[in-house]
Amino acid sequence: MLATTTFTQPAQPPEVAGAVMPAVWVRRWGHGRIFVSAFGHCVADLKVPQVNEITRRGLLWAARQIPEQGAS
């Protein structure tokens, strides 16, 4: 897991108040790599430099342009 979000808005249902949910994560699937991001529900999200950067890095990792951490 690379990033999480915590639900804190009073308009949300009480059962999700304070819930911590994954927002960005990676995993391996067989010989492949999977990058998942919950960011990008609107174009404005992708204009945030940090969101743009984690998306760029995640896509490069999934495309094997960035090696596994600890790999030579």
PDB file of N, CA and C in Angstrom:
ATOM      1  N   MET A   1       0.846  -1.160   0.000  1.00  0.00           N
ATOM      2  CA  MET A   1       0.000   0.000   0.000  1.00  0.00           C
ATOM      3  C   MET A   1       0.898   1.232   0.000  1.00  0.00           C
ATOM      4  N   LEU A   2       0.605   2.153  -0.900  1.00  0.00           N
ATOM      5  CA  LEU A   2       1.415   3.352  -1.036  1.00  0.00           C
ATOM      6  C   LEU A   2       0.742   4.577  -0.426  1.00  0.00           C
ATOM      7  N   ALA A   3      -0.596   4.581  -0.378  1.00  0.00           N
ATOM      8  CA  ALA A   3      -1.319   5.731   0.189  1.00  0.00           C
ATOM      9  C   ALA A   3      -2.676   5.276   0.692  1.00  0.00           C
ATOM     10  N   THR A   4      -3.150   5.940   1.729  1.00  0.00           N
ATOM     11  CA  THR A   4      -4.483   5.674   2.277  1.00  0.00           C
ATOM     12  C   THR A   4      -5.236   6.988   2.405  1.00  0.00           C
ATOM     13  N   THR A   5      -6.520   6.886   2.626  1.00  0.00           N
ATOM     14  CA  THR A   5      -7.343   8.053   2.920  1.00  0.00           C
ATOM     15  C   THR A   5      -8.192   7.728   4.142  1.00  0.00           C
ATOM     16  N   THR A   6      -8.476   8.737   4.932  1.00  0.00           N
ATOM     17  CA  THR A   6      -9.313   8.563   6.117  1.00  0.00           C
ATOM     18  C   THR A   6     -10.583   9.377   5.939  1.00  0.00           C
ATOM     19  N   PHE A   7     -11.736   8.733   6.095  1.00  0.00           N
ATOM     20  CA  PHE A   7     -13.015   9.413   5.945  1.00  0.00           C
ATOM     21  C   PHE A   7     -13.316  10.223   7.196  1.00  0.00           C
ATOM     22  N   THR A   8     -13.406  11.542   7.027  1.00  0.00           N
ATOM     23  CA  THR A   8     -13.620  12.426   8.173  1.00  0.00           C
ATOM     24  C   THR A   8     -14.772  13.404   7.965  1.00  0.00           C
ATOM     25  N   GLN A   9     -15.382  13.417   6.792  1.00  0.00           N
ATOM     26  CA  GLN A   9     -16.438  14.387   6.511  1.00  0.00           C
ATOM     27  C   GLN A   9     -17.714  14.043   7.267  1.00  0.00           C
ATOM     28  N   PRO A  10     -18.342  15.037   7.899  1.00  0.00           N
ATOM     29  CA  PRO A  10     -19.567  14.771   8.663  1.00  0.00           C
ATOM     30  C   PRO A  10     -20.734  14.310   7.798  1.00  0.00           C
ATOM     31  N   ALA A  11     -20.727  14.582   6.491  1.00  0.00           N
ATOM     32  CA  ALA A  11     -21.829  14.178   5.615  1.00  0.00           C
ATOM     33  C   ALA A  11     -21.797  12.688   5.283  1.00  0.00           C
ATOM     34  N   GLN A  12     -20.723  11.996   5.625  1.00  0.00           N
ATOM     35  CA  GLN A  12     -20.621  10.573   5.318  1.00  0.00           C
ATOM     36  C   GLN A  12     -21.430   9.756   6.323  1.00  0.00           C
ATOM     37  N   PRO A  13     -21.858   8.570   5.920  1.00  0.00           N
ATOM     38  CA  PRO A  13     -22.589   7.715   6.853  1.00  0.00           C
ATOM     39  C   PRO A  13     -21.743   7.413   8.094  1.00  0.00           C
ATOM     40  N   PRO A  14     -22.370   7.317   9.265  1.00  0.00           N
ATOM     41  CA  PRO A  14     -21.618   7.083  10.502  1.00  0.00           C
ATOM     42  C   PRO A  14     -20.755   5.835  10.487  1.00  0.00           C
ATOM     43  N   GLU A  15     -21.168   4.806   9.754  1.00  0.00           N
ATOM     44  CA  GLU A  15     -20.389   3.560   9.755  1.00  0.00           C
ATOM     45  C   GLU A  15     -19.040   3.694   9.048  1.00  0.00           C
ATOM     46  N   VAL A  16     -18.844   4.742   8.235  1.00  0.00           N
ATOM     47  CA  VAL A  16     -17.545   4.925   7.597  1.00  0.00           C
ATOM     48  C   VAL A  16     -16.713   6.017   8.262  1.00  0.00           C
ATOM     49  N   ALA A  17     -17.274   6.695   9.241  1.00  0.00           N
ATOM     50  CA  ALA A  17     -16.538   7.769   9.922  1.00  0.00           C
ATOM     51  C   ALA A  17     -15.248   7.215  10.522  1.00  0.00           C
ATOM     52  N   GLY A  18     -14.139   7.823  10.163  1.00  0.00           N
ATOM     53  CA  GLY A  18     -12.844   7.412  10.685  1.00  0.00           C
ATOM     54  C   GLY A  18     -12.230   6.213   9.984  1.00  0.00           C
ATOM     55  N   ALA A  19     -12.941   5.641   9.004  1.00  0.00           N
ATOM     56  CA  ALA A  19     -12.415   4.474   8.294  1.00  0.00           C
ATOM     57  C   ALA A  19     -11.200   4.865   7.461  1.00  0.00           C
ATOM     58  N   VAL A  20     -10.176   4.032   7.504  1.00  0.00           N
ATOM     59  CA  VAL A  20      -8.979   4.231   6.698  1.00  0.00           C
ATOM     60  C   VAL A  20      -9.057   3.250   5.530  1.00  0.00           C
ATOM     61  N   MET A  21      -9.001   3.789   4.316  1.00  0.00           N
ATOM     62  CA  MET A  21      -9.153   2.971   3.118  1.00  0.00           C
ATOM     63  C   MET A  21      -7.922   3.112   2.223  1.00  0.00           C
ATOM     64  N   PRO A  22      -7.533   2.052   1.525  1.00  0.00           N
ATOM     65  CA  PRO A  22      -6.425   2.159   0.572  1.00  0.00           C
ATOM     66  C   PRO A  22      -6.801   3.126  -0.548  1.00  0.00           C
ATOM     67  N   ALA A  23      -5.831   3.914  -1.003  1.00  0.00           N
ATOM     68  CA  ALA A  23      -6.057   4.838  -2.116  1.00  0.00           C
ATOM     69  C   ALA A  23      -5.128   4.518  -3.287  1.00  0.00           C
ATOM     70  N   VAL A  24      -3.918   4.060  -2.996  1.00  0.00           N
ATOM     71  CA  VAL A  24      -2.951   3.701  -4.037  1.00  0.00           C
ATOM     72  C   VAL A  24      -2.197   2.467  -3.560  1.00  0.00           C
ATOM     73  N   TRP A  25      -2.115   1.457  -4.425  1.00  0.00           N
ATOM     74  CA  TRP A  25      -1.352   0.272  -4.051  1.00  0.00           C
ATOM     75  C   TRP A  25      -0.826  -0.427  -5.302  1.00  0.00           C
ATOM     76  N   VAL A  26       0.133  -1.291  -5.074  1.00  0.00           N
ATOM     77  CA  VAL A  26       0.683  -2.114  -6.155  1.00  0.00           C
ATOM     78  C   VAL A  26       0.675  -3.570  -5.706  1.00  0.00           C
ATOM     79  N   ARG A  27       0.707  -4.456  -6.671  1.00  0.00           N
ATOM     80  CA  ARG A  27       0.838  -5.882  -6.373  1.00  0.00           C
ATOM     81  C   ARG A  27       1.355  -6.587  -7.611  1.00  0.00           C
ATOM     82  N   ARG A  28       1.807  -7.781  -7.407  1.00  0.00           N
ATOM     83  CA  ARG A  28       2.255  -8.616  -8.518  1.00  0.00           C
ATOM     84  C   ARG A  28       1.159  -9.642  -8.796  1.00  0.00           C
ATOM     85  N   TRP A  29       1.006 -10.009 -10.054  1.00  0.00           N
ATOM     86  CA  TRP A  29       0.040 -11.013 -10.457  1.00  0.00           C
ATOM     87  C   TRP A  29       0.735 -11.909 -11.479  1.00  0.00           C
ATOM     88  N   GLY A  30       1.128 -13.081 -11.028  1.00  0.00           N
ATOM     89  CA  GLY A  30       1.915 -13.946 -11.897  1.00  0.00           C
ATOM     90  C   GLY A  30       3.223 -13.248 -12.241  1.00  0.00           C
ATOM     91  N   HIS A  31       3.474 -13.075 -13.522  1.00  0.00           N
ATOM     92  CA  HIS A  31       4.678 -12.372 -13.961  1.00  0.00           C
ATOM     93  C   HIS A  31       4.409 -10.884 -14.189  1.00  0.00           C
ATOM     94  N   GLY A  32       3.171 -10.455 -13.938  1.00  0.00           N
ATOM     95  CA  GLY A  32       2.809  -9.068 -14.199  1.00  0.00           C
ATOM     96  C   GLY A  32       2.836  -8.197 -12.955  1.00  0.00           C
ATOM     97  N   ARG A  33       2.659  -6.921 -13.183  1.00  0.00           N
ATOM     98  CA  ARG A  33       2.605  -5.927 -12.114  1.00  0.00           C
ATOM     99  C   ARG A  33       1.312  -5.140 -12.247  1.00  0.00           C
ATOM    100  N   ILE A  34       0.695  -4.856 -11.117  1.00  0.00           N
ATOM    101  CA  ILE A  34      -0.555  -4.106 -11.107  1.00  0.00           C
ATOM    102  C   ILE A  34      -0.376  -2.849 -10.260  1.00  0.00           C
ATOM    103  N   PHE A  35      -0.771  -1.715 -10.821  1.00  0.00           N
ATOM    104  CA  PHE A  35      -0.780  -0.431 -10.112  1.00  0.00           C
ATOM    105  C   PHE A  35      -2.229   0.027 -10.063  1.00  0.00           C
ATOM    106  N   VAL A  36      -2.732   0.342  -8.850  1.00  0.00           N
ATOM    107  CA  VAL A  36      -4.115   0.777  -8.669  1.00  0.00           C
ATOM    108  C   VAL A  36      -4.114   2.117  -7.959  1.00  0.00           C
ATOM    109  N   SER A  37      -4.890   3.056  -8.492  1.00  0.00           N
ATOM    110  CA  SER A  37      -5.017   4.372  -7.868  1.00  0.00           C
ATOM    111  C   SER A  37      -6.482   4.777  -7.862  1.00  0.00           C
ATOM    112  N   ALA A  38      -6.969   5.206  -6.715  1.00  0.00           N
ATOM    113  CA  ALA A  38      -8.335   5.714  -6.607  1.00  0.00           C
ATOM    114  C   ALA A  38      -8.407   7.192  -6.976  1.00  0.00           C
ATOM    115  N   PHE A  39      -7.256   7.812  -7.239  1.00  0.00           N
ATOM    116  CA  PHE A  39      -7.249   9.216  -7.654  1.00  0.00           C
ATOM    117  C   PHE A  39      -7.722   9.325  -9.096  1.00  0.00           C
ATOM    118  N   GLY A  40      -8.206  10.491  -9.455  1.00  0.00           N
ATOM    119  CA  GLY A  40      -8.573  10.738 -10.843  1.00  0.00           C
ATOM    120  C   GLY A  40     -10.065  10.696 -11.114  1.00  0.00           C
ATOM    121  N   HIS A  41     -10.885  10.875 -10.095  1.00  0.00           N
ATOM    122  CA  HIS A  41     -12.327  10.907 -10.324  1.00  0.00           C
ATOM    123  C   HIS A  41     -12.729  12.148 -11.111  1.00  0.00           C
ATOM    124  N   CYS A  42     -11.872  13.146 -11.095  1.00  0.00           N
ATOM    125  CA  CYS A  42     -12.095  14.329 -11.921  1.00  0.00           C
ATOM    126  C   CYS A  42     -10.739  14.810 -12.433  1.00  0.00           C
ATOM    127  N   VAL A  43     -10.748  15.551 -13.528  1.00  0.00           N
ATOM    128  CA  VAL A  43      -9.509  16.001 -14.151  1.00  0.00           C
ATOM    129  C   VAL A  43      -8.676  16.836 -13.182  1.00  0.00           C
ATOM    130  N   ALA A  44      -9.329  17.593 -12.315  1.00  0.00           N
ATOM    131  CA  ALA A  44      -8.605  18.438 -11.361  1.00  0.00           C
ATOM    132  C   ALA A  44      -7.673  17.615 -10.473  1.00  0.00           C
ATOM    133  N   ASP A  45      -8.052  16.370 -10.160  1.00  0.00           N
ATOM    134  CA  ASP A  45      -7.183  15.503  -9.349  1.00  0.00           C
ATOM    135  C   ASP A  45      -5.818  15.336 -10.004  1.00  0.00           C
ATOM    136  N   LEU A  46      -5.815  15.155 -11.309  1.00  0.00           N
ATOM    137  CA  LEU A  46      -4.572  14.888 -12.021  1.00  0.00           C
ATOM    138  C   LEU A  46      -3.716  16.139 -12.205  1.00  0.00           C
ATOM    139  N   LYS A  47      -4.266  17.298 -11.873  1.00  0.00           N
ATOM    140  CA  LYS A  47      -3.501  18.545 -11.942  1.00  0.00           C
ATOM    141  C   LYS A  47      -2.727  18.804 -10.653  1.00  0.00           C
ATOM    142  N   VAL A  48      -2.974  17.997  -9.619  1.00  0.00           N
ATOM    143  CA  VAL A  48      -2.226  18.096  -8.370  1.00  0.00           C
ATOM    144  C   VAL A  48      -0.863  17.439  -8.611  1.00  0.00           C
ATOM    145  N   PRO A  49       0.229  18.180  -8.437  1.00  0.00           N
ATOM    146  CA  PRO A  49       1.552  17.625  -8.763  1.00  0.00           C
ATOM    147  C   PRO A  49       1.854  16.287  -8.097  1.00  0.00           C
ATOM    148  N   GLN A  50       1.467  16.111  -6.838  1.00  0.00           N
ATOM    149  CA  GLN A  50       1.758  14.867  -6.128  1.00  0.00           C
ATOM    150  C   GLN A  50       0.971  13.692  -6.731  1.00  0.00           C
ATOM    151  N   VAL A  51      -0.279  13.924  -7.114  1.00  0.00           N
ATOM    152  CA  VAL A  51      -1.088  12.871  -7.738  1.00  0.00           C
ATOM    153  C   VAL A  51      -0.498  12.526  -9.102  1.00  0.00           C
ATOM    154  N   ASN A  52      -0.134  13.540  -9.858  1.00  0.00           N
ATOM    155  CA  ASN A  52       0.482  13.324 -11.157  1.00  0.00           C
ATOM    156  C   ASN A  52       1.752  12.491 -11.017  1.00  0.00           C
ATOM    157  N   GLU A  53       2.573  12.788 -10.018  1.00  0.00           N
ATOM    158  CA  GLU A  53       3.843  12.075  -9.839  1.00  0.00           C
ATOM    159  C   GLU A  53       3.643  10.625  -9.406  1.00  0.00           C
ATOM    160  N   ILE A  54       2.749  10.373  -8.458  1.00  0.00           N
ATOM    161  CA  ILE A  54       2.555   8.983  -8.018  1.00  0.00           C
ATOM    162  C   ILE A  54       1.927   8.165  -9.148  1.00  0.00           C
ATOM    163  N   THR A  55       1.080   8.791  -9.958  1.00  0.00           N
ATOM    164  CA  THR A  55       0.496   8.101 -11.109  1.00  0.00           C
ATOM    165  C   THR A  55       1.575   7.786 -12.137  1.00  0.00           C
ATOM    166  N   ARG A  56       2.434   8.751 -12.422  1.00  0.00           N
ATOM    167  CA  ARG A  56       3.530   8.546 -13.372  1.00  0.00           C
ATOM    168  C   ARG A  56       4.446   7.409 -12.913  1.00  0.00           C
ATOM    169  N   ARG A  57       4.840   7.458 -11.638  1.00  0.00           N
ATOM    170  CA  ARG A  57       5.742   6.424 -11.114  1.00  0.00           C
ATOM    171  C   ARG A  57       5.081   5.056 -11.098  1.00  0.00           C
ATOM    172  N   GLY A  58       3.803   5.011 -10.728  1.00  0.00           N
ATOM    173  CA  GLY A  58       3.097   3.727 -10.699  1.00  0.00           C
ATOM    174  C   GLY A  58       2.978   3.102 -12.069  1.00  0.00           C
ATOM    175  N   LEU A  59       2.693   3.920 -13.073  1.00  0.00           N
ATOM    176  CA  LEU A  59       2.589   3.402 -14.432  1.00  0.00           C
ATOM    177  C   LEU A  59       3.946   2.942 -14.955  1.00  0.00           C
ATOM    178  N   LEU A  60       4.990   3.687 -14.635  1.00  0.00           N
ATOM    179  CA  LEU A  60       6.337   3.262 -15.039  1.00  0.00           C
ATOM    180  C   LEU A  60       6.720   1.949 -14.362  1.00  0.00           C
ATOM    181  N   TRP A  61       6.383   1.810 -13.076  1.00  0.00           N
ATOM    182  CA  TRP A  61       6.684   0.567 -12.359  1.00  0.00           C
ATOM    183  C   TRP A  61       5.935  -0.603 -13.008  1.00  0.00           C
ATOM    184  N   ALA A  62       4.655  -0.408 -13.286  1.00  0.00           N
ATOM    185  CA  ALA A  62       3.855  -1.491 -13.872  1.00  0.00           C
ATOM    186  C   ALA A  62       4.362  -1.860 -15.259  1.00  0.00           C
ATOM    187  N   ALA A  63       4.917  -0.893 -15.978  1.00  0.00           N
ATOM    188  CA  ALA A  63       5.457  -1.140 -17.305  1.00  0.00           C
ATOM    189  C   ALA A  63       6.905  -1.635 -17.255  1.00  0.00           C
ATOM    190  N   ARG A  64       7.391  -1.898 -16.060  1.00  0.00           N
ATOM    191  CA  ARG A  64       8.740  -2.405 -15.822  1.00  0.00           C
ATOM    192  C   ARG A  64       9.829  -1.418 -16.244  1.00  0.00           C
ATOM    193  N   GLN A  65       9.510  -0.137 -16.181  1.00  0.00           N
ATOM    194  CA  GLN A  65      10.510   0.880 -16.457  1.00  0.00           C
ATOM    195  C   GLN A  65      11.240   1.273 -15.173  1.00  0.00           C
ATOM    196  N   ILE A  66      10.702   0.844 -14.026  1.00  0.00           N
ATOM    197  CA  ILE A  66      11.328   1.036 -12.720  1.00  0.00           C
ATOM    198  C   ILE A  66      11.482  -0.350 -12.117  1.00  0.00           C
ATOM    199  N   PRO A  67      12.702  -0.772 -11.724  1.00  0.00           N
ATOM    200  CA  PRO A  67      12.889  -2.126 -11.190  1.00  0.00           C
ATOM    201  C   PRO A  67      12.264  -2.304  -9.819  1.00  0.00           C
ATOM    202  N   GLU A  68      12.062  -3.559  -9.443  1.00  0.00           N
ATOM    203  CA  GLU A  68      11.591  -3.889  -8.093  1.00  0.00           C
ATOM    204  C   GLU A  68      12.547  -3.274  -7.089  1.00  0.00           C
ATOM    205  N   GLN A  69      12.022  -2.788  -5.981  1.00  0.00           N
ATOM    206  CA  GLN A  69      12.891  -2.254  -4.929  1.00  0.00           C
ATOM    207  C   GLN A  69      13.751  -3.374  -4.377  1.00  0.00           C
ATOM    208  N   GLY A  70      15.043  -3.109  -4.260  1.00  0.00           N
ATOM    209  CA  GLY A  70      15.963  -4.119  -3.760  1.00  0.00           C
ATOM    210  C   GLY A  70      16.530  -5.008  -4.855  1.00  0.00           C
ATOM    211  N   ALA A  71      15.965  -4.890  -6.069  1.00  0.00           N
ATOM    212  CA  ALA A  71      16.493  -5.690  -7.183  1.00  0.00           C
ATOM    213  C   ALA A  71      17.689  -4.972  -7.783  1.00  0.00           C
ATOM    214  N   SER A  72      18.573  -5.731  -8.373  1.00  0.00           N
ATOM    215  CA  SER A  72      19.741  -5.109  -9.002  1.00  0.00           C
ATOM    216  C   SER A  72      19.507  -4.857 -10.467  1.00  0.00           C
TER     217      SER A  72
END
